[in-house]
């Protein structure tokens, strides 16, 4: 379970968000919606521990009964998927994915886990592919695999579907939601598009906290 509790963000004397609170159950996908400038990106930056120095934050972040807002980014166990598939183009697809694996995965098991993930994403044989040769949809899938192979306890989706054409967007969205639900982790996504909201999913308007 992920819980954001009484979070307020301010820039000098200007309040950006006030008393943000919500809970996301394991396997649930919660959608935050709001116009540009409504504080979505700042909230995500606070959650991952990357808030700019000129922003002041109050409040708490809890993941699976552990308070995380006091921890450095690498200890928060939060995965993040952006609208741009940020891959290292000087590494192969497989090398990009190997970087995400926890150090506890040793030896031959590392490459096996990566190949198993590629198979599950219908990218069999892509281990040695150059990321520059991938289509937009393939890059998006690799980016999600990298986030999930890190074994996060929760996942943040920052408009990851917005750069894809409609057909590919629909396919990738269904695949992402199926993957995260199968893992049973809480997910928070921000979007401008109502079509991104999963069927029956909760939606919270950012304006209520401004």
Foldseek 3Di string as FASTA:
>chain_A
DKWWFQKWKAQVPGTLFGGDIDDFFFLAEEEEEEDPSNCPVQVVCQLQVNHDPRMDMDTWIDFPNRTDSVDHNVPQLEFEAALQLDFDQVAFLQVSQLVLADPVQDDPSSSVVSQVLCVVVVNHPRNRHGPVPDDRLVSLSSSVSSRCNNVGQEYEYENNLVVDPDVSSVVSLVVSSVVSSVVRHTYYYYDHDPVSAPVPHHYDYSVVGD
